[in-house]
């Protein structure tokens, strides 16, 4: 099993949000002004609208499962290829919604995949 590191950054805005009067996009503070990212419209910041931003970085370790069948449930099903009696299984809705799902099986020994219908 491999481990992958991910940095997650969150930005939080508190109090008021300004919207562009021309294109209705969110305005962001820049150089003492509120600037629209879409159309570049500029307007002065409002007096009572103090904006606070906070950035957090969280380091997370996420396991990467290398096997394709890892995490799938197993059941007793005889493989038509090698005769093994243990297989992974999952369901998929392949036909219209009023018909039953299709059960897929994958042999734990030879990785042969087959399906069964109701």
PDB file of N, CA and C in Angstrom:
ATOM      1  N   UNK A   1       0.849  -1.180   0.000  1.00  0.00           N
ATOM      2  CA  UNK A   1       0.000   0.000   0.000  1.00  0.00           C
ATOM      3  C   UNK A   1       0.889   1.237   0.000  1.00  0.00           C
ATOM      4  N   UNK A   2       0.590   2.170  -0.889  1.00  0.00           N
ATOM      5  CA  UNK A   2       1.319   3.428  -0.948  1.00  0.00           C
ATOM      6  C   UNK A   2       0.567   4.485  -0.152  1.00  0.00           C
ATOM      7  N   UNK A   3       1.301   5.506   0.276  1.00  0.00           N
ATOM      8  CA  UNK A   3       0.684   6.635   0.954  1.00  0.00           C
ATOM      9  C   UNK A   3       0.942   7.886   0.132  1.00  0.00           C
ATOM     10  N   UNK A   4      -0.080   8.691  -0.036  1.00  0.00           N
ATOM     11  CA  UNK A   4       0.061   9.935  -0.797  1.00  0.00           C
ATOM     12  C   UNK A   4      -0.246  11.099   0.125  1.00  0.00           C
ATOM     13  N   UNK A   5       0.557  12.165   0.035  1.00  0.00           N
ATOM     14  CA  UNK A   5       0.336  13.362   0.842  1.00  0.00           C
ATOM     15  C   UNK A   5      -0.434  14.391   0.032  1.00  0.00           C
ATOM     16  N   UNK A   6      -1.443  15.006   0.648  1.00  0.00           N
ATOM     17  CA  UNK A   6      -2.229  16.048   0.013  1.00  0.00           C
ATOM     18  C   UNK A   6      -2.269  17.256   0.923  1.00  0.00           C
ATOM     19  N   UNK A   7      -2.055  18.429   0.380  1.00  0.00           N
ATOM     20  CA  UNK A   7      -2.233  19.677   1.115  1.00  0.00           C
ATOM     21  C   UNK A   7      -3.590  20.240   0.763  1.00  0.00           C
ATOM     22  N   UNK A   8      -4.385  20.552   1.748  1.00  0.00           N
ATOM     23  CA  UNK A   8      -5.705  21.116   1.541  1.00  0.00           C
ATOM     24  C   UNK A   8      -5.697  22.533   2.086  1.00  0.00           C
ATOM     25  N   UNK A   9      -6.068  23.478   1.245  1.00  0.00           N
ATOM     26  CA  UNK A   9      -6.077  24.881   1.650  1.00  0.00           C
ATOM     27  C   UNK A   9      -7.519  25.367   1.662  1.00  0.00           C
ATOM     28  N   UNK A  10      -7.902  26.026   2.753  1.00  0.00           N
ATOM     29  CA  UNK A  10      -9.249  26.572   2.849  1.00  0.00           C
ATOM     30  C   UNK A  10      -9.195  28.069   3.040  1.00  0.00           C
ATOM     31  N   UNK A  11     -10.046  28.800   2.333  1.00  0.00           N
ATOM     32  CA  UNK A  11     -10.129  30.247   2.486  1.00  0.00           C
ATOM     33  C   UNK A  11     -11.531  30.568   2.970  1.00  0.00           C
ATOM     34  N   UNK A  12     -11.623  31.343   4.049  1.00  0.00           N
ATOM     35  CA  UNK A  12     -12.905  31.687   4.636  1.00  0.00           C
ATOM     36  C   UNK A  12     -13.066  33.200   4.624  1.00  0.00           C
ATOM     37  N   UNK A  13     -14.195  33.683   4.137  1.00  0.00           N
ATOM     38  CA  UNK A  13     -14.492  35.106   4.155  1.00  0.00           C
ATOM     39  C   UNK A  13     -15.578  35.357   5.197  1.00  0.00           C
ATOM     40  N   UNK A  14     -15.360  36.354   6.022  1.00  0.00           N
ATOM     41  CA  UNK A  14     -16.283  36.669   7.103  1.00  0.00           C
ATOM     42  C   UNK A  14     -16.864  38.060   6.869  1.00  0.00           C
ATOM     43  N   UNK A  15     -18.084  38.268   7.235  1.00  0.00           N
ATOM     44  CA  UNK A  15     -18.876  39.503   7.154  1.00  0.00           C
ATOM     45  C   UNK A  15     -19.483  39.680   5.781  1.00  0.00           C
ATOM     46  N   UNK A  16     -19.177  40.761   5.073  1.00  0.00           N
ATOM     47  CA  UNK A  16     -19.920  41.078   3.860  1.00  0.00           C
ATOM     48  C   UNK A  16     -19.212  40.598   2.606  1.00  0.00           C
ATOM     49  N   UNK A  17     -20.015  40.350   1.574  1.00  0.00           N
ATOM     50  CA  UNK A  17     -19.513  40.039   0.247  1.00  0.00           C
ATOM     51  C   UNK A  17     -20.043  41.089  -0.690  1.00  0.00           C
ATOM     52  N   UNK A  18     -19.229  41.561  -1.579  1.00  0.00           N
ATOM     53  CA  UNK A  18     -19.650  42.546  -2.565  1.00  0.00           C
ATOM     54  C   UNK A  18     -19.801  41.845  -3.923  1.00  0.00           C
ATOM     55  N   UNK A  19     -20.824  42.251  -4.668  1.00  0.00           N
ATOM     56  CA  UNK A  19     -21.047  41.710  -5.999  1.00  0.00           C
ATOM     57  C   UNK A  19     -20.938  42.830  -7.023  1.00  0.00           C
ATOM     58  N   UNK A  20     -20.401  42.497  -8.171  1.00  0.00           N
ATOM     59  CA  UNK A  20     -20.204  43.470  -9.243  1.00  0.00           C
ATOM     60  C   UNK A  20     -21.562  43.962  -9.751  1.00  0.00           C
ATOM     61  N   UNK A  21     -21.756  45.284  -9.833  1.00  0.00           N
ATOM     62  CA  UNK A  21     -23.034  45.795 -10.326  1.00  0.00           C
ATOM     63  C   UNK A  21     -23.223  45.572 -11.836  1.00  0.00           C
ATOM     64  N   UNK A  22     -22.142  45.271 -12.555  1.00  0.00           N
ATOM     65  CA  UNK A  22     -22.255  45.082 -14.000  1.00  0.00           C
ATOM     66  C   UNK A  22     -22.509  43.624 -14.385  1.00  0.00           C
ATOM     67  N   UNK A  23     -21.696  42.678 -13.838  1.00  0.00           N
ATOM     68  CA  UNK A  23     -21.822  41.278 -14.268  1.00  0.00           C
ATOM     69  C   UNK A  23     -22.291  40.345 -13.162  1.00  0.00           C
ATOM     70  N   UNK A  24     -22.508  40.866 -11.953  1.00  0.00           N
ATOM     71  CA  UNK A  24     -23.020  40.117 -10.796  1.00  0.00           C
ATOM     72  C   UNK A  24     -22.062  39.045 -10.276  1.00  0.00           C
ATOM     73  N   UNK A  25     -20.775  39.149 -10.602  1.00  0.00           N
ATOM     74  CA  UNK A  25     -19.766  38.232 -10.093  1.00  0.00           C
ATOM     75  C   UNK A  25     -19.280  38.714  -8.718  1.00  0.00           C
ATOM     76  N   UNK A  26     -18.637  37.854  -7.958  1.00  0.00           N
ATOM     77  CA  UNK A  26     -18.129  38.232  -6.635  1.00  0.00           C
ATOM     78  C   UNK A  26     -16.906  39.132  -6.793  1.00  0.00           C
ATOM     79  N   UNK A  27     -16.879  40.210  -6.020  1.00  0.00           N
ATOM     80  CA  UNK A  27     -15.747  41.144  -6.027  1.00  0.00           C
ATOM     81  C   UNK A  27     -14.739  40.692  -4.972  1.00  0.00           C
ATOM     82  N   UNK A  28     -13.449  40.888  -5.261  1.00  0.00           N
ATOM     83  CA  UNK A  28     -12.387  40.525  -4.321  1.00  0.00           C
ATOM     84  C   UNK A  28     -11.572  41.769  -3.971  1.00  0.00           C
ATOM     85  N   UNK A  29     -11.046  41.832  -2.731  1.00  0.00           N
ATOM     86  CA  UNK A  29     -10.252  43.000  -2.350  1.00  0.00           C
ATOM     87  C   UNK A  29      -8.881  42.965  -3.018  1.00  0.00           C
ATOM     88  N   UNK A  30      -8.450  44.145  -3.526  1.00  0.00           N
ATOM     89  CA  UNK A  30      -7.129  44.251  -4.147  1.00  0.00           C
ATOM     90  C   UNK A  30      -6.695  45.709  -4.111  1.00  0.00           C
ATOM     91  N   UNK A  31      -5.567  45.988  -3.475  1.00  0.00           N
ATOM     92  CA  UNK A  31      -4.990  47.333  -3.398  1.00  0.00           C
ATOM     93  C   UNK A  31      -5.978  48.372  -2.870  1.00  0.00           C
ATOM     94  N   UNK A  32      -6.700  48.047  -1.808  1.00  0.00           N
ATOM     95  CA  UNK A  32      -7.633  48.986  -1.198  1.00  0.00           C
ATOM     96  C   UNK A  32      -8.932  49.177  -1.958  1.00  0.00           C
ATOM     97  N   UNK A  33      -9.153  48.431  -3.021  1.00  0.00           N
ATOM     98  CA  UNK A  33     -10.367  48.523  -3.834  1.00  0.00           C
ATOM     99  C   UNK A  33     -11.018  47.144  -3.892  1.00  0.00           C
ATOM    100  N   UNK A  34     -12.265  47.124  -4.310  1.00  0.00           N
ATOM    101  CA  UNK A  34     -12.938  45.867  -4.607  1.00  0.00           C
ATOM    102  C   UNK A  34     -12.918  45.714  -6.120  1.00  0.00           C
ATOM    103  N   UNK A  35     -12.390  44.588  -6.618  1.00  0.00           N
ATOM    104  CA  UNK A  35     -12.196  44.389  -8.052  1.00  0.00           C
ATOM    105  C   UNK A  35     -12.946  43.128  -8.486  1.00  0.00           C
ATOM    106  N   UNK A  36     -13.622  43.230  -9.617  1.00  0.00           N
ATOM    107  CA  UNK A  36     -14.323  42.086 -10.190  1.00  0.00           C
ATOM    108  C   UNK A  36     -13.335  41.257 -11.001  1.00  0.00           C
ATOM    109  N   UNK A  37     -13.307  39.961 -10.752  1.00  0.00           N
ATOM    110  CA  UNK A  37     -12.382  39.091 -11.488  1.00  0.00           C
ATOM    111  C   UNK A  37     -12.826  38.876 -12.926  1.00  0.00           C
ATOM    112  N   UNK A  38     -14.120  38.973 -13.171  1.00  0.00           N
ATOM    113  CA  UNK A  38     -14.634  38.686 -14.511  1.00  0.00           C
ATOM    114  C   UNK A  38     -14.500  39.878 -15.452  1.00  0.00           C
ATOM    115  N   UNK A  39     -14.998  41.055 -15.023  1.00  0.00           N
ATOM    116  CA  UNK A  39     -15.018  42.198 -15.942  1.00  0.00           C
ATOM    117  C   UNK A  39     -14.071  43.325 -15.528  1.00  0.00           C
ATOM    118  N   UNK A  40     -13.309  43.159 -14.443  1.00  0.00           N
ATOM    119  CA  UNK A  40     -12.316  44.128 -13.945  1.00  0.00           C
ATOM    120  C   UNK A  40     -12.929  45.437 -13.454  1.00  0.00           C
ATOM    121  N   UNK A  41     -14.215  45.470 -13.172  1.00  0.00           N
ATOM    122  CA  UNK A  41     -14.854  46.666 -12.608  1.00  0.00           C
ATOM    123  C   UNK A  41     -14.265  46.928 -11.224  1.00  0.00           C
ATOM    124  N   UNK A  42     -13.991  48.197 -10.893  1.00  0.00           N
ATOM    125  CA  UNK A  42     -13.408  48.561  -9.601  1.00  0.00           C
ATOM    126  C   UNK A  42     -14.343  49.493  -8.856  1.00  0.00           C
ATOM    127  N   UNK A  43     -14.383  49.316  -7.520  1.00  0.00           N
ATOM    128  CA  UNK A  43     -15.140  50.229  -6.673  1.00  0.00           C
ATOM    129  C   UNK A  43     -14.457  50.283  -5.315  1.00  0.00           C
ATOM    130  N   UNK A  44     -14.612  51.395  -4.584  1.00  0.00           N
ATOM    131  CA  UNK A  44     -13.968  51.484  -3.267  1.00  0.00           C
ATOM    132  C   UNK A  44     -14.631  50.529  -2.277  1.00  0.00           C
ATOM    133  N   UNK A  45     -13.841  50.098  -1.275  1.00  0.00           N
ATOM    134  CA  UNK A  45     -14.395  49.237  -0.232  1.00  0.00           C
ATOM    135  C   UNK A  45     -15.412  50.014   0.579  1.00  0.00           C
ATOM    136  N   UNK A  46     -16.452  49.325   1.026  1.00  0.00           N
ATOM    137  CA  UNK A  46     -17.449  49.983   1.868  1.00  0.00           C
ATOM    138  C   UNK A  46     -16.884  50.166   3.266  1.00  0.00           C
ATOM    139  N   UNK A  47     -17.331  51.197   3.979  1.00  0.00           N
ATOM    140  CA  UNK A  47     -16.774  51.549   5.291  1.00  0.00           C
ATOM    141  C   UNK A  47     -16.992  50.464   6.328  1.00  0.00           C
ATOM    142  N   UNK A  48     -18.182  49.882   6.389  1.00  0.00           N
ATOM    143  CA  UNK A  48     -18.480  48.888   7.419  1.00  0.00           C
ATOM    144  C   UNK A  48     -18.130  47.472   7.005  1.00  0.00           C
ATOM    145  N   UNK A  49     -17.666  47.300   5.820  1.00  0.00           N
ATOM    146  CA  UNK A  49     -17.443  45.947   5.309  1.00  0.00           C
ATOM    147  C   UNK A  49     -16.032  45.450   5.494  1.00  0.00           C
ATOM    148  N   UNK A  50     -15.621  45.258   6.739  1.00  0.00           N
ATOM    149  CA  UNK A  50     -14.288  44.721   6.988  1.00  0.00           C
ATOM    150  C   UNK A  50     -14.284  43.247   6.608  1.00  0.00           C
ATOM    151  N   UNK A  51     -13.335  42.869   5.777  1.00  0.00           N
ATOM    152  CA  UNK A  51     -13.284  41.499   5.317  1.00  0.00           C
ATOM    153  C   UNK A  51     -12.064  40.821   5.928  1.00  0.00           C
ATOM    154  N   UNK A  52     -12.284  39.661   6.476  1.00  0.00           N
ATOM    155  CA  UNK A  52     -11.207  38.900   7.095  1.00  0.00           C
ATOM    156  C   UNK A  52     -11.062  37.606   6.313  1.00  0.00           C
ATOM    157  N   UNK A  53      -9.854  37.287   5.948  1.00  0.00           N
ATOM    158  CA  UNK A  53      -9.633  36.005   5.284  1.00  0.00           C
ATOM    159  C   UNK A  53      -8.673  35.174   6.120  1.00  0.00           C
ATOM    160  N   UNK A  54      -8.890  33.899   6.093  1.00  0.00           N
ATOM    161  CA  UNK A  54      -8.077  32.987   6.891  1.00  0.00           C
ATOM    162  C   UNK A  54      -7.722  31.808   6.011  1.00  0.00           C
ATOM    163  N   UNK A  55      -6.453  31.469   5.992  1.00  0.00           N
ATOM    164  CA  UNK A  55      -5.998  30.346   5.191  1.00  0.00           C
ATOM    165  C   UNK A  55      -5.427  29.283   6.112  1.00  0.00           C
ATOM    166  N   UNK A  56      -5.877  28.057   5.907  1.00  0.00           N
ATOM    167  CA  UNK A  56      -5.381  26.934   6.688  1.00  0.00           C
ATOM    168  C   UNK A  56      -4.794  25.900   5.737  1.00  0.00           C
ATOM    169  N   UNK A  57      -3.698  25.313   6.132  1.00  0.00           N
ATOM    170  CA  UNK A  57      -3.151  24.204   5.365  1.00  0.00           C
ATOM    171  C   UNK A  57      -3.174  22.978   6.243  1.00  0.00           C
ATOM    172  N   UNK A  58      -3.816  21.960   5.745  1.00  0.00           N
ATOM    173  CA  UNK A  58      -3.906  20.705   6.464  1.00  0.00           C
ATOM    174  C   UNK A  58      -3.134  19.649   5.684  1.00  0.00           C
ATOM    175  N   UNK A  59      -2.285  18.940   6.347  1.00  0.00           N
ATOM    176  CA  UNK A  59      -1.524  17.864   5.713  1.00  0.00           C
ATOM    177  C   UNK A  59      -2.260  16.566   5.996  1.00  0.00           C
ATOM    178  N   UNK A  60      -2.630  15.868   4.959  1.00  0.00           N
ATOM    179  CA  UNK A  60      -3.348  14.610   5.127  1.00  0.00           C
ATOM    180  C   UNK A  60      -2.633  13.503   4.377  1.00  0.00           C
ATOM    181  N   UNK A  61      -2.643  12.335   4.969  1.00  0.00           N
ATOM    182  CA  UNK A  61      -2.068  11.164   4.335  1.00  0.00           C
ATOM    183  C   UNK A  61      -3.222  10.274   3.904  1.00  0.00           C
ATOM    184  N   UNK A  62      -3.279   9.954   2.608  1.00  0.00           N
ATOM    185  CA  UNK A  62      -4.351   9.143   2.048  1.00  0.00           C
ATOM    186  C   UNK A  62      -3.747   7.848   1.509  1.00  0.00           C
ATOM    187  N   UNK A  63      -4.242   6.686   1.962  1.00  0.00           N
ATOM    188  CA  UNK A  63      -3.708   5.430   1.425  1.00  0.00           C
ATOM    189  C   UNK A  63      -4.169   5.220  -0.014  1.00  0.00           C
ATOM    190  N   UNK A  64      -3.264   4.750  -0.869  1.00  0.00           N
ATOM    191  CA  UNK A  64      -3.579   4.457  -2.257  1.00  0.00           C
ATOM    192  C   UNK A  64      -3.587   2.947  -2.410  1.00  0.00           C
ATOM    193  N   UNK A  65      -4.755   2.396  -2.755  1.00  0.00           N
ATOM    194  CA  UNK A  65      -4.895   0.950  -2.923  1.00  0.00           C
ATOM    195  C   UNK A  65      -4.498   0.597  -4.343  1.00  0.00           C
ATOM    196  N   UNK A  66      -3.510  -0.286  -4.481  1.00  0.00           N
ATOM    197  CA  UNK A  66      -2.978  -0.597  -5.796  1.00  0.00           C
ATOM    198  C   UNK A  66      -3.758  -1.691  -6.511  1.00  0.00           C
ATOM    199  N   UNK A  67      -4.389  -2.584  -5.779  1.00  0.00           N
ATOM    200  CA  UNK A  67      -5.136  -3.648  -6.417  1.00  0.00           C
ATOM    201  C   UNK A  67      -6.467  -3.119  -6.904  1.00  0.00           C
ATOM    202  N   UNK A  68      -6.865  -3.539  -8.100  1.00  0.00           N
ATOM    203  CA  UNK A  68      -8.120  -3.068  -8.677  1.00  0.00           C
ATOM    204  C   UNK A  68      -9.316  -3.574  -7.868  1.00  0.00           C
ATOM    205  N   UNK A  69      -9.244  -4.791  -7.333  1.00  0.00           N
ATOM    206  CA  UNK A  69     -10.367  -5.390  -6.624  1.00  0.00           C
ATOM    207  C   UNK A  69     -10.335  -5.126  -5.131  1.00  0.00           C
ATOM    208  N   UNK A  70      -9.363  -4.384  -4.641  1.00  0.00           N
ATOM    209  CA  UNK A  70      -9.263  -4.120  -3.214  1.00  0.00           C
ATOM    210  C   UNK A  70     -10.492  -3.369  -2.733  1.00  0.00           C
ATOM    211  N   UNK A  71     -11.038  -3.808  -1.621  1.00  0.00           N
ATOM    212  CA  UNK A  71     -12.194  -3.141  -1.047  1.00  0.00           C
ATOM    213  C   UNK A  71     -13.519  -3.706  -1.513  1.00  0.00           C
ATOM    214  N   UNK A  72     -13.541  -4.597  -2.491  1.00  0.00           N
ATOM    215  CA  UNK A  72     -14.793  -5.202  -2.941  1.00  0.00           C
ATOM    216  C   UNK A  72     -15.147  -6.380  -2.039  1.00  0.00           C
ATOM    217  N   UNK A  73     -16.446  -6.620  -1.822  1.00  0.00           N
ATOM    218  CA  UNK A  73     -16.839  -7.777  -1.016  1.00  0.00           C
ATOM    219  C   UNK A  73     -16.622  -9.073  -1.783  1.00  0.00           C
ATOM    220  N   UNK A  74     -16.503 -10.175  -1.056  1.00  0.00           N
ATOM    221  CA  UNK A  74     -16.320 -11.481  -1.687  1.00  0.00           C
ATOM    222  C   UNK A  74     -17.523 -12.369  -1.378  1.00  0.00           C
ATOM    223  N   UNK A  75     -17.710 -13.369  -2.232  1.00  0.00           N
ATOM    224  CA  UNK A  75     -18.792 -14.339  -2.061  1.00  0.00           C
ATOM    225  C   UNK A  75     -18.345 -15.691  -2.605  1.00  0.00           C
ATOM    226  N   UNK A  76     -19.103 -16.719  -2.267  1.00  0.00           N
ATOM    227  CA  UNK A  76     -18.831 -18.050  -2.806  1.00  0.00           C
ATOM    228  C   UNK A  76     -19.471 -18.148  -4.184  1.00  0.00           C
ATOM    229  N   UNK A  77     -18.645 -18.157  -5.215  1.00  0.00           N
ATOM    230  CA  UNK A  77     -19.098 -18.293  -6.601  1.00  0.00           C
ATOM    231  C   UNK A  77     -18.015 -19.046  -7.353  1.00  0.00           C
ATOM    232  N   UNK A  78     -18.411 -20.052  -8.121  1.00  0.00           N
ATOM    233  CA  UNK A  78     -17.437 -20.890  -8.835  1.00  0.00           C
ATOM    234  C   UNK A  78     -17.006 -20.217 -10.129  1.00  0.00           C
ATOM    235  N   UNK A  79     -15.691 -20.051 -10.283  1.00  0.00           N
ATOM    236  CA  UNK A  79     -15.121 -19.439 -11.480  1.00  0.00           C
ATOM    237  C   UNK A  79     -15.245 -20.401 -12.652  1.00  0.00           C
ATOM    238  N   UNK A  80     -15.801 -19.967 -13.811  1.00  0.00           N
ATOM    239  CA  UNK A  80     -15.906 -20.849 -14.974  1.00  0.00           C
ATOM    240  C   UNK A  80     -14.559 -21.149 -15.627  1.00  0.00           C
ATOM    241  N   UNK A  81     -13.548 -20.357 -15.318  1.00  0.00           N
ATOM    242  CA  UNK A  81     -12.219 -20.526 -15.925  1.00  0.00           C
ATOM    243  C   UNK A  81     -11.350 -21.516 -15.146  1.00  0.00           C
ATOM    244  N   UNK A  82     -11.170 -21.285 -13.836  1.00  0.00           N
ATOM    245  CA  UNK A  82     -10.221 -22.096 -13.058  1.00  0.00           C
ATOM    246  C   UNK A  82     -10.883 -22.947 -11.976  1.00  0.00           C
ATOM    247  N   UNK A  83     -12.194 -22.757 -11.711  1.00  0.00           N
ATOM    248  CA  UNK A  83     -12.891 -23.560 -10.720  1.00  0.00           C
ATOM    249  C   UNK A  83     -12.748 -23.067  -9.288  1.00  0.00           C
ATOM    250  N   UNK A  84     -12.085 -21.945  -9.084  1.00  0.00           N
ATOM    251  CA  UNK A  84     -11.950 -21.359  -7.742  1.00  0.00           C
ATOM    252  C   UNK A  84     -13.338 -21.006  -7.210  1.00  0.00           C
ATOM    253  N   UNK A  85     -13.547 -21.135  -5.894  1.00  0.00           N
ATOM    254  CA  UNK A  85     -14.869 -20.907  -5.309  1.00  0.00           C
ATOM    255  C   UNK A  85     -15.022 -19.561  -4.604  1.00  0.00           C
ATOM    256  N   UNK A  86     -14.080 -18.634  -4.770  1.00  0.00           N
ATOM    257  CA  UNK A  86     -14.170 -17.335  -4.118  1.00  0.00           C
ATOM    258  C   UNK A  86     -14.027 -16.240  -5.176  1.00  0.00           C
ATOM    259  N   UNK A  87     -14.951 -15.259  -5.137  1.00  0.00           N
ATOM    260  CA  UNK A  87     -14.923 -14.194  -6.145  1.00  0.00           C
ATOM    261  C   UNK A  87     -15.351 -12.874  -5.522  1.00  0.00           C
ATOM    262  N   UNK A  88     -14.787 -11.770  -6.048  1.00  0.00           N
ATOM    263  CA  UNK A  88     -15.272 -10.439  -5.709  1.00  0.00           C
ATOM    264  C   UNK A  88     -16.580 -10.234  -6.466  1.00  0.00           C
ATOM    265  N   UNK A  89     -17.463  -9.373  -5.949  1.00  0.00           N
ATOM    266  CA  UNK A  89     -18.712  -9.101  -6.664  1.00  0.00           C
ATOM    267  C   UNK A  89     -19.105  -7.646  -6.535  1.00  0.00           C
ATOM    268  N   UNK A  90     -19.873  -7.140  -7.523  1.00  0.00           N
ATOM    269  CA  UNK A  90     -20.441  -5.795  -7.502  1.00  0.00           C
ATOM    270  C   UNK A  90     -21.651  -5.780  -8.410  1.00  0.00           C
ATOM    271  N   UNK A  91     -22.504  -4.770  -8.259  1.00  0.00           N
ATOM    272  CA  UNK A  91     -23.739  -4.622  -9.034  1.00  0.00           C
ATOM    273  C   UNK A  91     -23.659  -3.401  -9.924  1.00  0.00           C
ATOM    274  N   UNK A  92     -24.245  -3.493 -11.127  1.00  0.00           N
ATOM    275  CA  UNK A  92     -24.338  -2.354 -12.041  1.00  0.00           C
ATOM    276  C   UNK A  92     -25.711  -2.355 -12.691  1.00  0.00           C
ATOM    277  N   UNK A  93     -26.292  -1.188 -12.845  1.00  0.00           N
ATOM    278  CA  UNK A  93     -27.559  -1.044 -13.551  1.00  0.00           C
ATOM    279  C   UNK A  93     -27.237  -0.772 -15.013  1.00  0.00           C
ATOM    280  N   UNK A  94     -27.271  -1.793 -15.853  1.00  0.00           N
ATOM    281  CA  UNK A  94     -26.892  -1.643 -17.260  1.00  0.00           C
ATOM    282  C   UNK A  94     -28.091  -1.460 -18.168  1.00  0.00           C
ATOM    283  N   UNK A  95     -29.228  -2.022 -17.786  1.00  0.00           N
ATOM    284  CA  UNK A  95     -30.432  -1.931 -18.608  1.00  0.00           C
ATOM    285  C   UNK A  95     -31.353  -0.858 -18.040  1.00  0.00           C
ATOM    286  N   UNK A  96     -32.561  -0.800 -18.498  1.00  0.00           N
ATOM    287  CA  UNK A  96     -33.490   0.237 -18.034  1.00  0.00           C
ATOM    288  C   UNK A  96     -33.788   0.064 -16.544  1.00  0.00           C
ATOM    289  N   UNK A  97     -34.285   1.121 -15.929  1.00  0.00           N
ATOM    290  CA  UNK A  97     -34.465   1.156 -14.477  1.00  0.00           C
ATOM    291  C   UNK A  97     -35.490   0.147 -13.986  1.00  0.00           C
ATOM    292  N   UNK A  98     -36.426  -0.278 -14.830  1.00  0.00           N
ATOM    293  CA  UNK A  98     -37.431  -1.230 -14.377  1.00  0.00           C
ATOM    294  C   UNK A  98     -36.941  -2.682 -14.443  1.00  0.00           C
ATOM    295  N   UNK A  99     -35.726  -2.899 -14.905  1.00  0.00           N
ATOM    296  CA  UNK A  99     -35.145  -4.238 -14.927  1.00  0.00           C
ATOM    297  C   UNK A  99     -34.107  -4.347 -13.824  1.00  0.00           C
ATOM    298  N   UNK A 100     -33.818  -5.567 -13.411  1.00  0.00           N
ATOM    299  CA  UNK A 100     -32.904  -5.786 -12.286  1.00  0.00           C
ATOM    300  C   UNK A 100     -31.454  -5.459 -12.662  1.00  0.00           C
ATOM    301  N   UNK A 101     -30.658  -5.276 -11.632  1.00  0.00           N
ATOM    302  CA  UNK A 101     -29.236  -4.992 -11.827  1.00  0.00           C
ATOM    303  C   UNK A 101     -28.494  -6.249 -12.279  1.00  0.00           C
ATOM    304  N   UNK A 102     -27.330  -6.053 -12.855  1.00  0.00           N
ATOM    305  CA  UNK A 102     -26.480  -7.165 -13.278  1.00  0.00           C
ATOM    306  C   UNK A 102     -25.417  -7.374 -12.213  1.00  0.00           C
ATOM    307  N   UNK A 103     -25.225  -8.620 -11.798  1.00  0.00           N
ATOM    308  CA  UNK A 103     -24.183  -8.968 -10.824  1.00  0.00           C
ATOM    309  C   UNK A 103     -22.916  -9.353 -11.578  1.00  0.00           C
ATOM    310  N   UNK A 104     -21.818  -8.686 -11.244  1.00  0.00           N
ATOM    311  CA  UNK A 104     -20.521  -9.013 -11.828  1.00  0.00           C
ATOM    312  C   UNK A 104     -19.690  -9.736 -10.781  1.00  0.00           C
ATOM    313  N   UNK A 105     -18.879 -10.680 -11.225  1.00  0.00           N
ATOM    314  CA  UNK A 105     -17.972 -11.424 -10.365  1.00  0.00           C
ATOM    315  C   UNK A 105     -16.579 -11.373 -10.951  1.00  0.00           C
ATOM    316  N   UNK A 106     -15.564 -11.348 -10.092  1.00  0.00           N
ATOM    317  CA  UNK A 106     -14.169 -11.435 -10.528  1.00  0.00           C
ATOM    318  C   UNK A 106     -13.475 -12.446  -9.636  1.00  0.00           C
ATOM    319  N   UNK A 107     -12.892 -13.464 -10.247  1.00  0.00           N
ATOM    320  CA  UNK A 107     -12.212 -14.541  -9.519  1.00  0.00           C
ATOM    321  C   UNK A 107     -11.029 -13.973  -8.735  1.00  0.00           C
ATOM    322  N   UNK A 108     -10.900 -14.402  -7.486  1.00  0.00           N
ATOM    323  CA  UNK A 108      -9.788 -13.936  -6.656  1.00  0.00           C
ATOM    324  C   UNK A 108      -8.475 -14.602  -7.039  1.00  0.00           C
ATOM    325  N   UNK A 109      -8.548 -15.697  -7.800  1.00  0.00           N
ATOM    326  CA  UNK A 109      -7.338 -16.435  -8.176  1.00  0.00           C
ATOM    327  C   UNK A 109      -6.823 -16.036  -9.566  1.00  0.00           C
ATOM    328  N   UNK A 110      -7.686 -16.113 -10.588  1.00  0.00           N
ATOM    329  CA  UNK A 110      -7.231 -15.867 -11.967  1.00  0.00           C
ATOM    330  C   UNK A 110      -7.712 -14.534 -12.548  1.00  0.00           C
ATOM    331  N   UNK A 111      -8.533 -13.784 -11.832  1.00  0.00           N
ATOM    332  CA  UNK A 111      -9.051 -12.470 -12.220  1.00  0.00           C
ATOM    333  C   UNK A 111     -10.023 -12.509 -13.404  1.00  0.00           C
ATOM    334  N   UNK A 112     -10.562 -13.661 -13.727  1.00  0.00           N
ATOM    335  CA  UNK A 112     -11.591 -13.771 -14.763  1.00  0.00           C
ATOM    336  C   UNK A 112     -12.849 -13.048 -14.279  1.00  0.00           C
ATOM    337  N   UNK A 113     -13.459 -12.249 -15.136  1.00  0.00           N
ATOM    338  CA  UNK A 113     -14.680 -11.522 -14.797  1.00  0.00           C
ATOM    339  C   UNK A 113     -15.837 -12.090 -15.593  1.00  0.00           C
ATOM    340  N   UNK A 114     -16.977 -12.337 -14.920  1.00  0.00           N
ATOM    341  CA  UNK A 114     -18.174 -12.795 -15.566  1.00  0.00           C
ATOM    342  C   UNK A 114     -19.381 -12.151 -14.919  1.00  0.00           C
ATOM    343  N   UNK A 115     -20.542 -12.313 -15.548  1.00  0.00           N
ATOM    344  CA  UNK A 115     -21.752 -11.678 -15.034  1.00  0.00           C
ATOM    345  C   UNK A 115     -22.872 -12.680 -14.901  1.00  0.00           C
ATOM    346  N   UNK A 116     -23.846 -12.338 -14.062  1.00  0.00           N
ATOM    347  CA  UNK A 116     -25.064 -13.144 -13.912  1.00  0.00           C
ATOM    348  C   UNK A 116     -26.259 -12.209 -13.941  1.00  0.00           C
ATOM    349  N   UNK A 117     -27.319 -12.651 -14.596  1.00  0.00           N
ATOM    350  CA  UNK A 117     -28.563 -11.894 -14.656  1.00  0.00           C
ATOM    351  C   UNK A 117     -29.585 -12.580 -13.769  1.00  0.00           C
ATOM    352  N   UNK A 118     -30.622 -11.843 -13.365  1.00  0.00           N
ATOM    353  CA  UNK A 118     -31.711 -12.461 -12.602  1.00  0.00           C
ATOM    354  C   UNK A 118     -32.642 -13.209 -13.506  1.00  0.00           C
TER     355      UNK A 118
END
